[in-house]
Protein backbone atom coordinates (compact mmCIF):
# COMPACT_ATOMS: atom_id res chain seq x y z
CA MET A 1 -18.86 3.83 -19.81
CA ALA A 2 -21.16 6.37 -18.22
CA ASP A 3 -19.67 9.84 -17.88
CA GLY A 4 -20.56 9.80 -14.17
CA ALA A 5 -17.61 7.54 -13.38
CA ARG A 6 -15.26 9.73 -15.40
CA ALA A 7 -16.48 12.84 -13.59
CA LEU A 8 -15.86 11.15 -10.24
CA ALA A 9 -12.39 10.07 -11.41
CA VAL A 10 -11.52 13.67 -12.27
CA ALA A 11 -12.81 14.78 -8.85
CA LEU A 12 -10.54 12.20 -7.19
CA LEU A 13 -7.55 13.43 -9.17
CA ASP A 14 -8.32 17.04 -8.29
CA ALA A 15 -8.41 16.12 -4.59
CA VAL A 16 -5.10 14.21 -4.67
CA LEU A 17 -3.13 16.46 -7.01
CA GLY A 18 -4.69 19.76 -6.01
CA ASP A 19 -5.58 19.41 -2.33
CA ARG A 20 -2.87 16.77 -1.61
CA LYS A 21 -5.41 14.47 -0.02
CA LEU A 22 -4.63 10.82 0.44
CA PHE A 23 -6.65 8.76 -2.02
CA ALA A 24 -8.64 7.01 0.70
CA GLN A 25 -9.80 10.37 2.07
CA ALA A 26 -10.64 11.66 -1.41
CA LEU A 27 -12.67 8.52 -2.04
CA ALA A 28 -14.53 8.95 1.25
CA ASP A 29 -15.37 12.54 0.27
CA LEU A 30 -17.14 11.56 -2.96
CA PRO A 31 -20.91 12.20 -3.01
CA ALA A 32 -22.74 9.52 -1.07
CA ALA A 33 -25.35 9.32 -3.83
CA ALA A 34 -22.80 7.98 -6.33
CA ALA A 35 -23.67 4.44 -7.39
CA PRO A 36 -21.27 1.75 -6.12
CA ALA A 37 -20.41 0.64 -9.67
CA GLU A 38 -19.60 4.23 -10.66
CA ARG A 39 -17.44 4.72 -7.58
CA ALA A 40 -15.54 1.50 -8.24
CA ARG A 41 -14.95 2.42 -11.89
CA ALA A 42 -13.89 5.95 -10.93
CA GLN A 43 -11.46 4.59 -8.34
CA ARG A 44 -9.86 2.27 -10.88
CA LEU A 45 -9.53 5.00 -13.50
CA ALA A 46 -8.08 7.58 -11.12
CA LEU A 47 -5.52 5.11 -9.76
CA SER A 48 -4.52 4.24 -13.32
CA VAL A 49 -3.92 7.94 -14.08
CA LEU A 50 -1.76 8.29 -10.95
CA ARG A 51 0.28 5.29 -12.10
CA HIS A 52 0.95 6.97 -15.47
CA LEU A 53 0.77 10.68 -14.72
CA ASP A 54 4.20 11.86 -15.93
CA PRO A 55 4.17 9.75 -19.13
CA ALA A 56 0.69 11.10 -19.94
CA ASP A 57 1.91 14.65 -19.36
CA ARG A 58 4.84 14.03 -21.72
CA LEU A 59 2.44 12.97 -24.46
CA LEU A 60 0.28 16.04 -23.88
CA ALA A 61 3.06 18.63 -23.53
CA PRO A 62 3.83 19.18 -27.25
CA HIS A 63 0.18 20.10 -27.82
CA LEU A 64 -0.18 22.61 -24.97
CA ARG A 65 1.38 26.08 -25.16
CA LYS A 66 0.77 26.54 -21.43
CA ALA A 67 -0.58 24.39 -18.65
CA PRO A 68 -4.39 24.59 -18.43
CA PRO A 69 -6.19 24.60 -15.06
CA LEU A 70 -5.80 21.44 -12.99
CA THR A 71 -9.26 20.05 -13.72
CA VAL A 72 -8.73 20.40 -17.46
CA ARG A 73 -5.31 18.76 -17.16
CA ASN A 74 -6.91 15.88 -15.30
CA ILE A 75 -9.60 15.49 -17.96
CA LEU A 76 -6.86 15.29 -20.59
CA ARG A 77 -4.75 12.89 -18.49
CA LEU A 78 -7.72 10.62 -17.93
CA ALA A 79 -8.45 10.50 -21.66
CA VAL A 80 -4.85 9.73 -22.56
CA VAL A 81 -4.53 6.97 -19.97
CA GLU A 82 -7.83 5.38 -20.98
CA MET A 83 -6.71 5.19 -24.60
CA ALA A 84 -3.17 4.11 -23.76
CA THR A 85 -3.78 1.48 -21.10
CA GLU A 86 -7.26 0.17 -21.92
CA GLY A 87 -7.34 0.54 -25.68
CA ALA A 88 -10.54 2.56 -25.35
CA ALA A 89 -11.95 3.86 -28.64
CA PRO A 90 -10.57 7.39 -29.19
CA HIS A 91 -13.87 8.74 -30.53
CA GLY A 92 -15.83 7.87 -27.39
CA VAL A 93 -13.08 8.97 -25.02
CA VAL A 94 -12.63 12.34 -26.75
CA SER A 95 -16.37 12.95 -26.84
CA SER A 96 -16.68 12.20 -23.13
CA ALA A 97 -13.70 14.41 -22.23
CA VAL A 98 -15.16 17.34 -24.15
CA ASP A 99 -18.51 16.82 -22.44
CA LEU A 100 -16.83 16.81 -19.01
CA ALA A 101 -15.14 20.12 -19.79
CA ARG A 102 -18.40 21.66 -20.99
CA ARG A 103 -20.19 20.72 -17.77
CA GLY A 104 -17.89 22.73 -15.50
CA ARG A 105 -18.48 26.45 -15.03
CA ARG A 106 -14.72 27.02 -14.80
CA THR A 107 -13.80 24.62 -17.60
CA GLN A 108 -16.51 25.02 -20.23
CA HIS A 109 -14.56 27.69 -22.12
CA LEU A 110 -11.72 25.17 -22.58
CA ALA A 111 -13.84 22.40 -24.10
CA GLY A 112 -12.51 23.32 -27.53
CA LEU A 113 -8.93 22.99 -26.29
CA VAL A 114 -9.68 19.52 -24.90
CA ASN A 115 -11.17 18.50 -28.23
CA ALA A 116 -8.29 19.89 -30.29
CA VAL A 117 -5.50 18.42 -28.15
CA LEU A 118 -6.96 14.93 -27.95
CA ARG A 119 -7.70 14.77 -31.67
CA LYS A 120 -4.09 15.71 -32.46
CA LEU A 121 -2.87 12.68 -30.54
CA ALA A 122 -2.82 9.93 -33.17
CA PRO A 123 -4.13 6.49 -32.18
CA ALA A 124 -0.64 5.13 -32.95
CA THR A 125 0.57 7.01 -29.86
CA PHE A 126 -1.52 4.81 -27.63
CA GLU A 127 0.52 1.63 -27.48
CA GLY A 128 1.08 1.79 -23.74
CA LEU A 129 2.87 4.26 -21.51
CA PRO A 130 6.31 3.97 -19.90
CA ALA A 131 6.59 3.45 -16.17
CA GLN A 132 5.94 6.35 -13.82
CA LEU A 133 9.16 7.42 -12.09
CA MET A 134 9.26 7.70 -8.32
CA PRO A 135 9.82 11.22 -6.94
CA MET A 136 13.47 12.24 -6.66
CA TRP A 137 13.48 12.35 -2.85
CA LEU A 138 12.73 8.61 -2.94
CA ARG A 139 14.29 7.55 -6.23
CA GLN A 140 17.77 8.94 -5.61
CA PRO A 141 18.53 7.05 -2.38
CA LEU A 142 17.18 3.84 -3.91
CA VAL A 143 19.34 4.24 -7.03
CA ARG A 144 22.41 4.80 -4.81
CA ARG A 145 21.55 1.69 -2.88
CA TRP A 146 20.36 -0.81 -5.50
CA GLY A 147 21.20 0.73 -8.88
CA ARG A 148 19.07 2.01 -11.73
CA GLY A 149 18.12 -1.45 -12.95
CA VAL A 150 16.46 -2.46 -9.68
CA VAL A 151 14.73 0.91 -9.35
CA ALA A 152 13.40 0.64 -12.91
CA ALA A 153 12.07 -2.83 -12.10
CA ILE A 154 10.33 -1.47 -8.99
CA GLU A 155 8.78 1.34 -11.05
CA ALA A 156 7.57 -1.16 -13.63
CA VAL A 157 5.71 -3.04 -10.87
CA HIS A 158 4.30 0.25 -9.56
CA SER A 159 2.83 1.00 -12.99
CA ARG A 160 0.62 -2.10 -13.02
CA PRO A 161 -2.56 -2.67 -10.98
CA PRO A 162 -1.65 -5.01 -8.12
CA PRO A 163 -3.27 -8.39 -7.56
CA LEU A 164 -5.21 -9.12 -4.38
CA ASP A 165 -3.50 -11.24 -1.72
CA LEU A 166 -5.40 -13.22 0.90
CA THR A 167 -4.38 -14.97 4.13
CA ALA A 168 -6.36 -18.06 5.11
CA LYS A 169 -6.89 -19.56 8.53
CA PRO A 170 -4.56 -22.49 9.24
CA GLY A 171 -5.75 -25.61 7.42
CA LEU A 172 -8.03 -23.67 5.06
CA VAL A 173 -7.54 -22.29 1.58
CA ALA A 174 -8.53 -18.97 0.04
CA PRO A 175 -9.48 -18.21 -3.56
CA GLY A 176 -6.60 -17.70 -5.96
CA GLU A 177 -3.21 -19.22 -6.62
CA PRO A 178 -1.10 -20.30 -3.62
CA LEU A 179 2.13 -18.35 -3.14
CA PRO A 180 5.38 -19.88 -1.82
CA THR A 181 5.00 -18.07 1.51
CA GLY A 182 1.50 -19.40 2.20
CA SER A 183 -0.64 -16.52 0.95
CA PHE A 184 -3.10 -16.74 -1.95
CA ARG A 185 -3.19 -14.38 -4.94
CA LEU A 186 -6.04 -13.27 -7.20
CA LYS A 187 -5.42 -11.14 -10.29
CA ASP A 188 -9.02 -10.13 -11.04
CA ALA A 189 -10.77 -10.38 -7.71
CA GLY A 190 -13.89 -8.33 -8.37
CA GLN A 191 -16.05 -7.70 -5.31
CA VAL A 192 -14.18 -9.11 -2.31
CA SER A 193 -17.28 -9.82 -0.24
CA ALA A 194 -18.66 -12.01 -3.04
CA LEU A 195 -15.66 -14.36 -3.05
CA PRO A 196 -16.14 -17.87 -1.66
CA GLY A 197 -15.20 -18.16 1.99
CA TYR A 198 -15.67 -14.47 2.79
CA GLU A 199 -18.93 -14.80 4.72
CA ALA A 200 -17.62 -17.90 6.49
CA GLY A 201 -14.59 -15.92 7.67
CA ASP A 202 -12.11 -18.37 6.17
CA TRP A 203 -9.65 -15.64 5.09
CA TRP A 204 -8.88 -11.93 5.03
CA VAL A 205 -7.21 -9.49 2.66
CA GLN A 206 -3.50 -9.03 3.40
CA ASP A 207 -0.53 -8.38 1.15
CA ALA A 208 1.81 -11.37 1.04
CA ALA A 209 4.76 -9.29 2.24
CA ALA A 210 2.84 -7.98 5.26
CA ALA A 211 1.85 -11.53 6.19
CA LEU A 212 5.53 -12.50 6.51
CA ALA A 213 5.97 -10.42 9.67
CA VAL A 214 3.86 -12.83 11.72
CA ARG A 215 5.44 -15.85 10.06
CA LEU A 216 8.82 -14.49 11.13
CA LEU A 217 7.54 -14.03 14.69
CA ASP A 218 6.38 -17.68 14.69
CA PRO A 219 3.62 -17.36 17.33
CA GLN A 220 2.88 -20.44 19.42
CA PRO A 221 -0.48 -21.53 20.89
CA GLY A 222 -1.07 -20.17 24.38
CA GLU A 223 1.52 -17.39 24.17
CA ASP A 224 0.72 -13.86 25.30
CA VAL A 225 1.39 -11.71 22.24
CA ALA A 226 0.99 -7.99 21.59
CA ASP A 227 0.28 -6.52 18.17
CA LEU A 228 1.29 -2.90 18.58
CA CYS A 229 -0.03 -0.41 15.98
CA ALA A 230 -2.46 -3.19 15.05
CA ALA A 231 -5.02 -1.55 12.74
CA PRO A 232 -6.32 -2.48 10.23
CA GLY A 233 -5.68 -5.88 11.75
CA GLY A 234 -4.41 -8.48 9.30
CA LYS A 235 -1.54 -9.41 11.61
CA THR A 236 -3.84 -9.56 14.64
CA LEU A 237 -5.99 -12.08 12.78
CA GLN A 238 -2.91 -14.16 11.98
CA LEU A 239 -1.84 -14.14 15.64
CA ALA A 240 -5.32 -15.05 16.86
CA ALA A 241 -5.63 -17.83 14.29
CA ALA A 242 -2.33 -19.27 15.59
CA GLY A 243 -3.93 -19.77 19.00
CA THR A 244 -2.21 -16.98 20.93
CA ARG A 245 -3.77 -14.64 23.47
CA VAL A 246 -3.54 -11.40 21.47
CA THR A 247 -3.61 -7.83 22.70
CA ALA A 248 -4.20 -5.57 19.68
CA LEU A 249 -3.24 -1.97 20.42
CA ASP A 250 -3.70 1.06 18.19
CA LEU A 251 -3.95 4.79 18.70
CA SER A 252 -6.97 5.17 16.38
CA GLU A 253 -10.34 4.02 17.62
CA ALA A 254 -11.78 4.60 14.15
CA ARG A 255 -9.20 2.32 12.49
CA LEU A 256 -9.80 -0.33 15.13
CA GLY A 257 -13.42 -0.50 13.95
CA ARG A 258 -12.32 -2.38 10.86
CA LEU A 259 -10.28 -4.76 13.02
CA ARG A 260 -13.30 -5.51 15.20
CA GLU A 261 -15.42 -6.17 12.10
CA ASN A 262 -12.87 -8.67 10.79
CA LEU A 263 -12.61 -10.39 14.15
CA ALA A 264 -16.38 -10.79 14.18
CA ARG A 265 -16.47 -12.08 10.59
CA THR A 266 -13.70 -14.61 11.15
CA GLY A 267 -14.81 -15.67 14.64
CA LEU A 268 -11.37 -14.93 16.07
CA GLN A 269 -10.63 -13.40 19.47
CA ALA A 270 -8.36 -10.55 20.57
CA ASP A 271 -8.26 -7.99 23.33
CA VAL A 272 -8.59 -4.73 21.37
CA VAL A 273 -7.21 -1.61 23.05
CA ALA A 274 -7.35 1.97 21.78
CA ALA A 275 -4.37 3.72 23.36
CA ASP A 276 -1.07 5.43 22.66
CA LEU A 277 1.77 2.92 22.92
CA LEU A 278 4.06 5.54 24.43
CA GLY A 279 1.75 6.00 27.41
CA TRP A 280 0.21 2.54 27.70
CA GLU A 281 1.20 0.11 30.44
CA GLY A 282 0.99 -3.50 29.30
CA GLY A 283 2.76 -6.81 29.40
CA PRO A 284 4.95 -8.61 29.97
CA PHE A 285 4.48 -10.52 26.71
CA ASP A 286 6.08 -13.64 25.31
CA ALA A 287 6.28 -12.03 21.88
CA ILE A 288 5.57 -8.61 20.39
CA LEU A 289 4.92 -7.45 16.85
CA LEU A 290 5.57 -3.77 16.15
CA ASP A 291 4.47 -2.63 12.69
CA ALA A 292 5.56 0.94 13.27
CA PRO A 293 4.22 4.08 11.58
CA CYS A 294 6.37 4.85 8.55
CA SER A 295 6.54 6.59 5.17
CA ALA A 296 4.66 3.69 3.50
CA THR A 297 7.02 4.00 0.52
CA GLY A 298 6.84 0.24 0.06
CA THR A 299 3.12 0.36 -0.74
CA ILE A 300 3.14 2.62 -3.82
CA ARG A 301 2.07 -0.28 -6.04
CA ARG A 302 -1.23 -0.27 -4.12
CA HIS A 303 -1.26 3.42 -3.22
CA PRO A 304 0.05 5.40 -6.21
CA ASP A 305 -1.22 8.63 -4.63
CA LEU A 306 1.57 8.61 -2.02
CA PRO A 307 4.28 10.20 -4.22
CA PHE A 308 1.95 13.13 -4.88
CA VAL A 309 0.96 13.87 -1.28
CA LYS A 310 4.31 13.25 0.46
CA ASP A 311 7.71 14.86 -0.02
CA GLY A 312 9.94 12.89 2.36
CA SER A 313 10.16 15.69 4.93
CA GLU A 314 8.35 13.55 7.51
CA ILE A 315 10.92 10.73 7.50
CA PRO A 316 13.32 12.00 10.24
CA GLU A 317 10.39 12.45 12.62
CA LEU A 318 9.01 9.02 11.74
CA ALA A 319 12.40 7.37 12.26
CA ALA A 320 12.71 8.99 15.68
CA LEU A 321 9.21 7.78 16.61
CA GLN A 322 10.04 4.25 15.47
CA ALA A 323 13.13 4.19 17.70
CA THR A 324 11.11 5.38 20.70
CA MET A 325 8.44 2.77 20.04
CA LEU A 326 11.03 0.02 19.75
CA ASP A 327 12.53 0.90 23.12
CA ARG A 328 9.07 1.03 24.64
CA ALA A 329 8.13 -2.35 23.16
CA LEU A 330 11.29 -4.00 24.49
CA GLY A 331 10.30 -2.89 27.97
CA MET A 332 7.05 -4.85 27.63
CA LEU A 333 8.80 -8.05 26.57
CA LYS A 334 9.54 -10.93 28.94
CA PRO A 335 13.18 -11.94 29.38
CA GLY A 336 13.97 -14.33 26.55
CA GLY A 337 11.00 -13.03 24.56
CA ARG A 338 11.13 -12.10 20.90
CA LEU A 339 10.19 -8.93 19.08
CA VAL A 340 9.48 -8.49 15.37
CA PHE A 341 9.86 -4.95 14.07
CA CYS A 342 8.62 -4.07 10.60
CA THR A 343 7.89 -1.09 8.38
CA CYS A 344 6.35 -0.97 4.90
CA SER A 345 9.18 1.31 3.78
CA LEU A 346 11.92 1.07 1.16
CA LEU A 347 14.19 3.49 3.01
CA GLU A 348 17.17 2.44 5.12
CA GLU A 349 16.36 5.01 7.80
CA GLU A 350 13.15 3.11 8.56
CA GLY A 351 14.66 -0.36 8.24
CA GLU A 352 18.28 -1.47 8.16
CA ALA A 353 19.57 1.64 9.95
CA GLN A 354 16.81 1.36 12.53
CA LEU A 355 17.84 -2.20 13.35
CA ALA A 356 21.52 -1.24 13.60
CA ALA A 357 20.71 1.62 15.98
CA LEU A 358 18.51 -0.67 18.10
CA LEU A 359 21.36 -3.16 18.50
CA ASP A 360 23.72 -0.33 19.48
CA ARG A 361 21.30 0.89 22.17
CA HIS A 362 20.62 -2.63 23.49
CA PRO A 363 23.84 -4.69 23.17
CA GLY A 364 22.26 -7.81 24.67
CA LEU A 365 19.76 -8.25 21.84
CA SER A 366 20.34 -11.00 19.30
CA VAL A 367 18.99 -11.02 15.76
CA GLU A 368 17.35 -14.26 14.62
CA THR A 369 16.79 -15.47 11.06
CA PRO A 370 14.40 -18.42 11.31
CA GLU A 371 13.46 -20.58 8.36
CA VAL A 372 10.33 -19.14 6.75
CA ALA A 373 8.59 -20.93 3.88
CA GLY A 374 9.02 -19.15 0.56
CA VAL A 375 11.61 -16.64 1.80
CA GLU A 376 14.62 -16.67 -0.49
CA HIS A 377 18.16 -16.53 0.85
CA GLY A 378 18.96 -13.30 -0.98
CA TRP A 379 16.18 -11.43 0.80
CA TRP A 380 18.09 -11.44 4.11
CA THR A 381 20.48 -8.58 4.87
CA ASP A 382 23.97 -8.95 6.36
CA ARG A 383 22.62 -7.93 9.79
CA GLY A 384 19.80 -10.48 9.69
CA GLY A 385 16.87 -8.33 8.59
CA LEU A 386 14.43 -9.36 5.88
CA ARG A 387 14.37 -6.84 3.03
CA LEU A 388 11.39 -7.23 0.70
CA ARG A 389 11.06 -5.20 -2.50
CA PRO A 390 8.19 -4.59 -4.93
CA ASP A 391 10.15 -6.17 -7.80
CA PHE A 392 10.29 -9.54 -6.03
CA TRP A 393 7.79 -11.86 -7.80
CA ALA A 394 7.44 -9.16 -10.47
CA ASP A 395 6.12 -11.65 -13.03
CA THR A 396 3.10 -12.40 -10.83
CA GLY A 397 2.41 -8.88 -9.54
CA GLY A 398 5.24 -8.09 -7.12
CA MET A 399 4.83 -7.47 -3.40
CA ASP A 400 4.89 -4.54 -1.01
CA GLY A 401 8.28 -3.27 0.09
CA PHE A 402 8.97 -4.18 3.73
CA PHE A 403 11.77 -4.39 6.23
CA ILE A 404 11.24 -7.04 8.91
CA ALA A 405 13.60 -8.11 11.69
CA ARG A 406 13.27 -10.47 14.68
CA VAL A 407 15.30 -9.87 17.83
CA ARG A 408 15.39 -11.77 21.10
CA LYS A 409 15.69 -10.18 24.51
CA PRO A 410 18.37 -11.63 26.78
């Protein structure tokens, strides 16, 4: 592999682990001149390192008397992960790592250290790495709730590259294997835009767990439906494909750009509005979908950078915002209308507890648990919410962690 991709991978790791940038922002900040193939390879390598960071550090620790500068650590981590997870030839990996260190003005004096450390690590060491543990602020409440076995199973899913899930228009199929819930799954997708049906707009990328929110809402043709916090738009496309009159609202005009592109590609229609839900006057609607801002702790399998740029301190503020948004959304709902609330979070504060508090504030609401294809009985909570975990379907790649609940207004 060309060293250019490795250099970009180290730059991505420096941005996430040093500057605490989200991976998407770090990727956007890469030099525009970088070749697409190099960027794609760098992205894959950097994500693999983030999925195995602590295990790689444990392998390196006995050979380091003190921690070297971050860039050198990331060069070493990248080399270890390449050898451990891809079976890359040690000679080529070590040579490339040394060359990367020599290139940097601040790292060139440590090229010898890189060479010495990596050569001490015997090839027998590289038989795979254990799963990366979640940070304690997230791991501890999950262990208390589900036990160490479930948490270990979640972490095992997090350590593997996720498959690509697609949602097809009704009556059509997408590439990949069909899932019980109606989505399609590809393990080695390659370039998405080159897949059959992409140009025709037959399908869109959407994690299978995320797609269940609309299936729980059960939109009917001709209904007036709002998708609040709509970007990037997978759920809006589902609602439009079901024949509803969709209003897609989001605070970010920039994020809505991707939604508009997908609407154009698929030939679907929606009224797209850039506005703050808390100040927007809309409705009344037959049905509302609120995918509220949250910690995104359920998406670590696809976004392994999150544990390194978040510390859990934002959760109380997010939970308060979710409650405010829920109350606001209920005010836009017609009498007898239904609301689906969801968050891509593993935490009770952003799911089960949020539903319980909503029912306390609005005693007339009823929780509904409709039949949904592929949803197993054990996924429902005692209060009627749908709790999805990354270790569900672990043998085929897992799913994002979500909490989804449907309530009906009296």
